[in-house]
Structure formats: C-alpha cells, structure tokens
Amino acid sequence: MFSIPNCPKCNSEYTYEDGILLICPECSYEWTLESQSQDKEDKNIIRDANGNQLNEGDDVIVIKDLKVKGSSSSIKIGTKVKGIRLIHGSSDGHDIDCKIDGFGPMKLKSKFVKKA
C-alpha cells in the first residue's frame, strides 16, 4: 500500500494527494514525489565554488589561501590538488579527501576549490 510521506517543509503528517500533487494543509506547501526524489539526489552531489559537479579522481585548484592547523605555513591560492576522493555526509563540512604535496593527507571544503 502507498503511504503518503510527511511534508518536507514542516514535517506535518496530515498531507494529502490531489491529482499528481501532494499538499500540506498546515503550511500550504505543494510538491510531487518526483521533485522529492530529485532533491535527495541533488543533496548527494558535491559541487565546487563555481557550481561544477565534482567526481572521484578529479583535479581541483584551491581558490583561497587556507591556514593549516598545527602548521606555520598555509596552502596558497592556485595550488593544484590531484586525484580527490569525495566524502558524502561529513558533519564538519569537509567533503573532499586528498593529499597535497608538502602537507600530506587532509580534508578540504568544496567551497574553497574549483575544478581544474
């Protein structure tokens, strides 16, 4: 049996179906099941500072000087990082795992890199 999901906006359980739309009577939000599944897929996509989709093994360039904890030096703007690995669902916002020459293995935030 098909169960109607809770409202994605206010999490109300009183949603109802009207044709192809699902409607929440409490906050008046309307959506379709297709749009809800696309939203979940979009959350799994990691994008760089310019909005380009990043993939495993891509090369990226750092767009901002980044201070490194425990080191007196920093990662300079324009540093190229080769062969990144993506981390999905990281709680601290670091979604790229990589190895940087001169610094070793570390994690970066995708908002500070652009696709090379």
C-alpha atoms as a PDB file:
ATOM      1  CA  MET A   1       0.000   0.000   0.000  1.00  0.00           C
ATOM      2  CA  PHE A   2       1.229   3.509  -0.861  1.00  0.00           C
ATOM      3  CA  SER A   3       1.778   5.712   2.169  1.00  0.00           C
ATOM      4  CA  ILE A   4       1.819   9.462   1.740  1.00  0.00           C
ATOM      5  CA  PRO A   5       5.059  10.990   3.088  1.00  0.00           C
ATOM      6  CA  ASN A   6       5.194  13.770   5.649  1.00  0.00           C
ATOM      7  CA  CYS A   7       5.545  17.346   4.426  1.00  0.00           C
ATOM      8  CA  PRO A   8       9.209  18.092   3.565  1.00  0.00           C
ATOM      9  CA  LYS A   9       8.800  21.694   4.710  1.00  0.00           C
ATOM     10  CA  CYS A  10       7.069  21.421   8.100  1.00  0.00           C
ATOM     11  CA  ASN A  11       7.080  17.618   8.624  1.00  0.00           C
ATOM     12  CA  SER A  12       3.296  17.513   9.071  1.00  0.00           C
ATOM     13  CA  GLU A  13       1.710  14.071   8.875  1.00  0.00           C
ATOM     14  CA  TYR A  14      -1.601  15.427   7.529  1.00  0.00           C
ATOM     15  CA  THR A  15      -0.565  15.640   3.876  1.00  0.00           C
ATOM     16  CA  TYR A  16      -2.995  14.558   1.186  1.00  0.00           C
ATOM     17  CA  GLU A  17      -2.959  13.734  -2.502  1.00  0.00           C
ATOM     18  CA  ASP A  18      -4.628  15.953  -5.135  1.00  0.00           C
ATOM     19  CA  GLY A  19      -4.005  14.525  -8.592  1.00  0.00           C
ATOM     20  CA  ILE A  20      -0.232  14.319  -9.014  1.00  0.00           C
ATOM     21  CA  LEU A  21       0.427  16.870  -6.264  1.00  0.00           C
ATOM     22  CA  LEU A  22       0.910  16.220  -2.580  1.00  0.00           C
ATOM     23  CA  ILE A  23      -0.380  19.060  -0.411  1.00  0.00           C
ATOM     24  CA  CYS A  24       0.207  20.014   3.208  1.00  0.00           C
ATOM     25  CA  PRO A  25      -2.857  21.658   4.813  1.00  0.00           C
ATOM     26  CA  GLU A  26      -0.819  23.168   7.643  1.00  0.00           C
ATOM     27  CA  CYS A  27       1.779  25.165   5.632  1.00  0.00           C
ATOM     28  CA  SER A  28       0.146  25.018   2.149  1.00  0.00           C
ATOM     29  CA  TYR A  29       3.278  23.503   0.590  1.00  0.00           C
ATOM     30  CA  GLU A  30       2.730  21.586  -2.671  1.00  0.00           C
ATOM     31  CA  TRP A  31       5.152  19.068  -4.210  1.00  0.00           C
ATOM     32  CA  THR A  32       5.361  15.925  -6.307  1.00  0.00           C
ATOM     33  CA  LEU A  33       7.058  12.641  -5.484  1.00  0.00           C
ATOM     34  CA  GLU A  34       9.410  13.156  -8.455  1.00  0.00           C
ATOM     35  CA  SER A  35      10.620  16.514  -7.143  1.00  0.00           C
ATOM     36  CA  GLN A  36      11.197  14.990  -3.716  1.00  0.00           C
ATOM     37  CA  SER A  37      13.383  12.211  -5.161  1.00  0.00           C
ATOM     38  CA  GLN A  38      15.336  14.758  -7.257  1.00  0.00           C
ATOM     39  CA  ASP A  39      16.006  16.813  -4.113  1.00  0.00           C
ATOM     40  CA  LYS A  40      17.505  13.748  -2.425  1.00  0.00           C
ATOM     41  CA  GLU A  41      19.731  13.099  -5.450  1.00  0.00           C
ATOM     42  CA  ASP A  42      20.865  16.753  -5.524  1.00  0.00           C
ATOM     43  CA  LYS A  43      21.940  16.533  -1.874  1.00  0.00           C
ATOM     44  CA  ASN A  44      24.375  13.749  -2.776  1.00  0.00           C
ATOM     45  CA  ILE A  45      26.072  15.862  -5.467  1.00  0.00           C
ATOM     46  CA  ILE A  46      29.165  17.756  -4.334  1.00  0.00           C
ATOM     47  CA  ARG A  47      29.840  20.985  -6.231  1.00  0.00           C
ATOM     48  CA  ASP A  48      32.845  23.304  -6.355  1.00  0.00           C
ATOM     49  CA  ALA A  49      32.816  27.072  -5.763  1.00  0.00           C
ATOM     50  CA  ASN A  50      31.634  27.687  -9.336  1.00  0.00           C
ATOM     51  CA  GLY A  51      28.799  25.145  -9.154  1.00  0.00           C
ATOM     52  CA  ASN A  52      30.502  22.435 -11.227  1.00  0.00           C
ATOM     53  CA  GLN A  53      29.880  18.851 -10.154  1.00  0.00           C
ATOM     54  CA  LEU A  54      32.939  17.156  -8.634  1.00  0.00           C
ATOM     55  CA  ASN A  55      33.676  13.462  -9.216  1.00  0.00           C
ATOM     56  CA  GLU A  56      36.083  10.937  -7.712  1.00  0.00           C
ATOM     57  CA  GLY A  57      39.606  11.379  -9.103  1.00  0.00           C
ATOM     58  CA  ASP A  58      39.098  14.949 -10.370  1.00  0.00           C
ATOM     59  CA  ASP A  59      41.843  17.532 -10.134  1.00  0.00           C
ATOM     60  CA  VAL A  60      40.963  20.789  -8.352  1.00  0.00           C
ATOM     61  CA  ILE A  61      42.624  24.145  -7.704  1.00  0.00           C
ATOM     62  CA  VAL A  62      42.479  25.958  -4.363  1.00  0.00           C
ATOM     63  CA  ILE A  63      40.868  29.412  -4.790  1.00  0.00           C
ATOM     64  CA  LYS A  64      41.757  30.889  -1.385  1.00  0.00           C
ATOM     65  CA  ASP A  65      44.777  30.802   0.934  1.00  0.00           C
ATOM     66  CA  LEU A  66      43.938  28.179   3.562  1.00  0.00           C
ATOM     67  CA  LYS A  67      45.508  28.106   7.014  1.00  0.00           C
ATOM     68  CA  VAL A  68      46.532  24.638   8.177  1.00  0.00           C
ATOM     69  CA  LYS A  69      46.076  23.771  11.842  1.00  0.00           C
ATOM     70  CA  GLY A  70      49.339  22.838  13.512  1.00  0.00           C
ATOM     71  CA  SER A  71      51.480  24.338  10.755  1.00  0.00           C
ATOM     72  CA  SER A  72      53.062  27.750  10.359  1.00  0.00           C
ATOM     73  CA  SER A  73      52.554  27.686   6.582  1.00  0.00           C
ATOM     74  CA  SER A  74      49.351  27.783   4.573  1.00  0.00           C
ATOM     75  CA  ILE A  75      48.052  26.293   1.341  1.00  0.00           C
ATOM     76  CA  LYS A  76      48.448  29.052  -1.237  1.00  0.00           C
ATOM     77  CA  ILE A  77      45.873  30.131  -3.779  1.00  0.00           C
ATOM     78  CA  GLY A  78      46.332  28.295  -7.084  1.00  0.00           C
ATOM     79  CA  THR A  79      47.637  25.066  -5.523  1.00  0.00           C
ATOM     80  CA  LYS A  80      46.608  22.116  -7.698  1.00  0.00           C
ATOM     81  CA  VAL A  81      45.301  19.023  -5.922  1.00  0.00           C
ATOM     82  CA  LYS A  82      45.230  15.813  -7.959  1.00  0.00           C
ATOM     83  CA  GLY A  83      43.018  12.754  -7.570  1.00  0.00           C
ATOM     84  CA  ILE A  84      40.477  13.836  -4.959  1.00  0.00           C
ATOM     85  CA  ARG A  85      38.160  11.474  -3.111  1.00  0.00           C
ATOM     86  CA  LEU A  86      34.662  12.622  -2.158  1.00  0.00           C
ATOM     87  CA  ILE A  87      33.206  12.236   1.331  1.00  0.00           C
ATOM     88  CA  HIS A  88      29.390  12.240   1.497  1.00  0.00           C
ATOM     89  CA  GLY A  89      27.582  13.172   4.692  1.00  0.00           C
ATOM     90  CA  SER A  90      30.503  14.722   6.560  1.00  0.00           C
ATOM     91  CA  SER A  91      29.241  16.541   9.647  1.00  0.00           C
ATOM     92  CA  ASP A  92      32.029  19.146   9.685  1.00  0.00           C
ATOM     93  CA  GLY A  93      31.577  20.292   6.059  1.00  0.00           C
ATOM     94  CA  HIS A  94      34.828  18.826   4.764  1.00  0.00           C
ATOM     95  CA  ASP A  95      33.701  16.830   1.742  1.00  0.00           C
ATOM     96  CA  ILE A  96      36.991  16.301  -0.137  1.00  0.00           C
ATOM     97  CA  ASP A  97      39.724  13.911   0.996  1.00  0.00           C
ATOM     98  CA  CYS A  98      43.070  14.471  -0.741  1.00  0.00           C
ATOM     99  CA  LYS A  99      46.836  14.514  -0.491  1.00  0.00           C
ATOM    100  CA  ILE A 100      48.618  17.841  -1.010  1.00  0.00           C
ATOM    101  CA  ASP A 101      52.325  17.941  -1.848  1.00  0.00           C
ATOM    102  CA  GLY A 102      54.252  19.389   1.076  1.00  0.00           C
ATOM    103  CA  PHE A 103      51.348  18.979   3.530  1.00  0.00           C
ATOM    104  CA  GLY A 104      50.260  15.337   3.247  1.00  0.00           C
ATOM    105  CA  PRO A 105      46.750  13.926   3.558  1.00  0.00           C
ATOM    106  CA  MET A 106      43.973  16.314   4.551  1.00  0.00           C
ATOM    107  CA  LYS A 107      40.336  17.210   4.049  1.00  0.00           C
ATOM    108  CA  LEU A 108      39.045  20.272   2.208  1.00  0.00           C
ATOM    109  CA  LYS A 109      35.708  22.005   1.826  1.00  0.00           C
ATOM    110  CA  SER A 110      34.395  22.073  -1.730  1.00  0.00           C
ATOM    111  CA  LYS A 111      33.529  25.777  -1.476  1.00  0.00           C
ATOM    112  CA  PHE A 112      37.270  26.599  -1.463  1.00  0.00           C
ATOM    113  CA  VAL A 113      38.192  24.754  -4.679  1.00  0.00           C
ATOM    114  CA  LYS A 114      37.374  24.901  -8.373  1.00  0.00           C
ATOM    115  CA  LYS A 115      37.529  22.093 -10.895  1.00  0.00           C
ATOM    116  CA  ALA A 116      40.780  22.102 -12.893  1.00  0.00           C
END
